[in-house]
Protein backbone atom coordinates (compact mmCIF):
# COMPACT_ATOMS: atom_id res chain seq x y z
CA UNK A 1 88.16 89.60 134.99
CA UNK A 2 90.33 89.58 131.91
CA UNK A 3 89.84 92.43 129.44
CA UNK A 4 88.66 91.11 126.08
CA UNK A 5 89.75 92.74 122.84
CA UNK A 6 88.12 92.75 119.44
CA UNK A 7 89.77 90.01 117.42
CA UNK A 8 89.49 92.10 114.26
CA UNK A 9 90.57 95.62 115.17
CA UNK A 10 92.28 95.10 118.55
CA UNK A 11 90.17 97.56 120.56
CA UNK A 12 88.73 96.62 123.96
CA UNK A 13 85.31 94.96 123.87
CA UNK A 14 82.72 96.33 126.27
CA UNK A 15 79.90 93.87 125.64
CA UNK A 16 80.20 90.38 124.26
CA UNK A 17 77.22 90.91 121.98
CA UNK A 18 79.12 90.04 118.79
CA UNK A 19 80.70 86.60 119.18
CA UNK A 20 81.70 84.26 116.36
CA UNK A 21 82.08 80.54 116.88
CA UNK A 22 85.16 79.30 115.01
CA UNK A 23 87.10 76.08 114.66
CA UNK A 24 86.03 72.71 113.31
CA UNK A 25 83.45 72.14 116.02
CA UNK A 26 82.92 75.76 117.04
CA UNK A 27 85.27 75.48 120.01
CA UNK A 28 86.65 79.04 119.80
CA UNK A 29 84.87 82.23 120.77
CA UNK A 30 85.90 85.26 118.75
CA UNK A 31 84.72 88.53 120.25
CA UNK A 32 84.12 91.59 118.09
CA UNK A 33 83.42 95.16 119.16
CA UNK A 34 80.66 95.94 116.68
CA UNK A 35 78.71 94.92 113.61
CA UNK A 36 81.36 96.08 111.12
CA UNK A 37 84.19 94.20 112.82
CA UNK A 38 81.91 91.16 113.18
CA UNK A 39 81.14 91.14 109.44
CA UNK A 40 84.78 91.80 108.49
CA UNK A 41 86.01 89.00 110.77
CA UNK A 42 83.45 86.62 109.33
CA UNK A 43 84.58 87.54 105.80
CA UNK A 44 88.26 87.10 106.78
CA UNK A 45 87.62 83.62 108.18
CA UNK A 46 85.71 82.56 105.05
CA UNK A 47 88.42 84.02 102.79
CA UNK A 48 91.28 82.23 104.55
CA UNK A 49 89.45 78.90 104.85
CA UNK A 50 88.82 78.77 101.08
CA UNK A 51 92.46 79.24 100.08
CA UNK A 52 94.24 77.63 103.02
CA UNK A 53 94.99 74.15 101.65
CA UNK A 54 96.03 75.30 98.17
CA UNK A 55 98.39 77.85 99.71
CA UNK A 56 99.81 75.26 102.14
CA UNK A 57 100.57 73.07 99.13
CA UNK A 58 102.12 75.98 97.21
CA UNK A 59 104.26 76.92 100.24
CA UNK A 60 105.40 73.30 100.66
CA UNK A 61 106.43 73.08 97.00
CA UNK A 62 108.29 76.40 97.17
CA UNK A 63 110.08 75.39 100.38
CA UNK A 64 111.05 72.06 98.82
CA UNK A 65 112.39 73.84 95.73
CA UNK A 66 114.35 76.21 97.95
CA UNK A 67 115.82 73.33 99.97
CA UNK A 68 116.84 71.48 96.81
CA UNK A 69 118.50 74.58 95.37
CA UNK A 70 120.35 75.36 98.59
CA UNK A 71 121.11 71.73 99.45
CA UNK A 72 122.64 70.93 96.08
CA UNK A 73 124.35 74.33 96.01
CA UNK A 74 122.95 75.07 92.59
CA UNK A 75 123.96 78.41 91.12
CA UNK A 76 121.74 79.90 88.44
CA UNK A 77 120.13 83.23 87.69
CA UNK A 78 116.62 82.48 89.00
CA UNK A 79 117.58 80.59 92.15
CA UNK A 80 115.85 83.09 94.46
CA UNK A 81 112.44 82.92 92.77
CA UNK A 82 111.08 80.33 95.27
CA UNK A 83 111.80 82.87 98.02
CA UNK A 84 109.85 85.47 96.05
CA UNK A 85 106.98 82.99 95.72
CA UNK A 86 106.99 82.39 99.48
CA UNK A 87 106.74 86.13 100.01
CA UNK A 88 103.71 86.19 97.70
CA UNK A 89 102.07 83.35 99.64
CA UNK A 90 102.88 85.29 102.80
CA UNK A 91 101.01 88.31 101.44
CA UNK A 92 97.99 86.39 100.11
CA UNK A 93 97.19 84.56 103.33
CA UNK A 94 99.04 85.81 106.42
CA UNK A 95 97.24 83.40 108.73
CA UNK A 96 99.30 80.49 107.34
CA UNK A 97 102.41 81.76 109.08
CA UNK A 98 101.25 83.43 112.29
CA UNK A 99 99.89 81.90 115.43
CA UNK A 100 96.66 82.95 117.09
CA UNK A 101 98.70 84.79 119.74
CA UNK A 102 99.37 87.61 117.26
CA UNK A 103 95.69 87.90 116.40
CA UNK A 104 94.68 87.86 120.06
CA UNK A 105 97.24 90.48 120.97
CA UNK A 106 97.05 92.93 118.04
CA UNK A 107 93.90 92.02 116.12
CA UNK A 108 93.59 90.74 112.58
CA UNK A 109 93.90 94.18 110.98
CA UNK A 110 97.28 95.08 112.49
CA UNK A 111 98.68 91.56 112.23
CA UNK A 112 97.71 91.31 108.56
CA UNK A 113 99.32 94.66 107.77
CA UNK A 114 102.55 93.64 109.53
CA UNK A 115 102.73 90.23 107.88
CA UNK A 116 101.98 91.66 104.44
CA UNK A 117 104.73 94.22 104.93
CA UNK A 118 107.14 91.39 105.78
CA UNK A 119 105.92 89.50 102.69
CA UNK A 120 106.57 92.54 100.51
CA UNK A 121 110.10 92.81 101.94
CA UNK A 122 110.70 89.10 101.19
CA UNK A 123 109.50 89.60 97.62
CA UNK A 124 111.73 92.64 97.16
CA UNK A 125 114.72 90.77 98.60
CA UNK A 126 114.09 87.82 96.28
CA UNK A 127 113.83 90.08 93.26
CA UNK A 128 116.90 92.04 94.35
CA UNK A 129 118.98 88.86 94.69
CA UNK A 130 117.67 87.57 91.35
CA UNK A 131 118.58 90.78 89.53
CA UNK A 132 122.02 91.03 91.09
């Protein structure tokens, strides 16, 4: 039997007492190790589902701006600001960019920390390139 892990914190789950149904039709089972992780996971899902489409749109606009700037080889002082914006979107909602494999393997807590760290590095790189 395959060992199940808590989708929120990444620890092994002993009993499948705390299970969330996720997806459009409730096709996914999300196991949690306890009440706190269950409540935090529920809150995380609600938080990401509220902002998901607006952030997808913002990311698409920023990527399009970045492609236009790079494609036309435009050179101006603020040309790296779309990259900084993408880093901010990365930090606000990490689930836009990662697959469920990361969540299943490391849990939401660790994955979110790692993705937000990468987002912060992208923001710093964008600001660094803008300043220099």
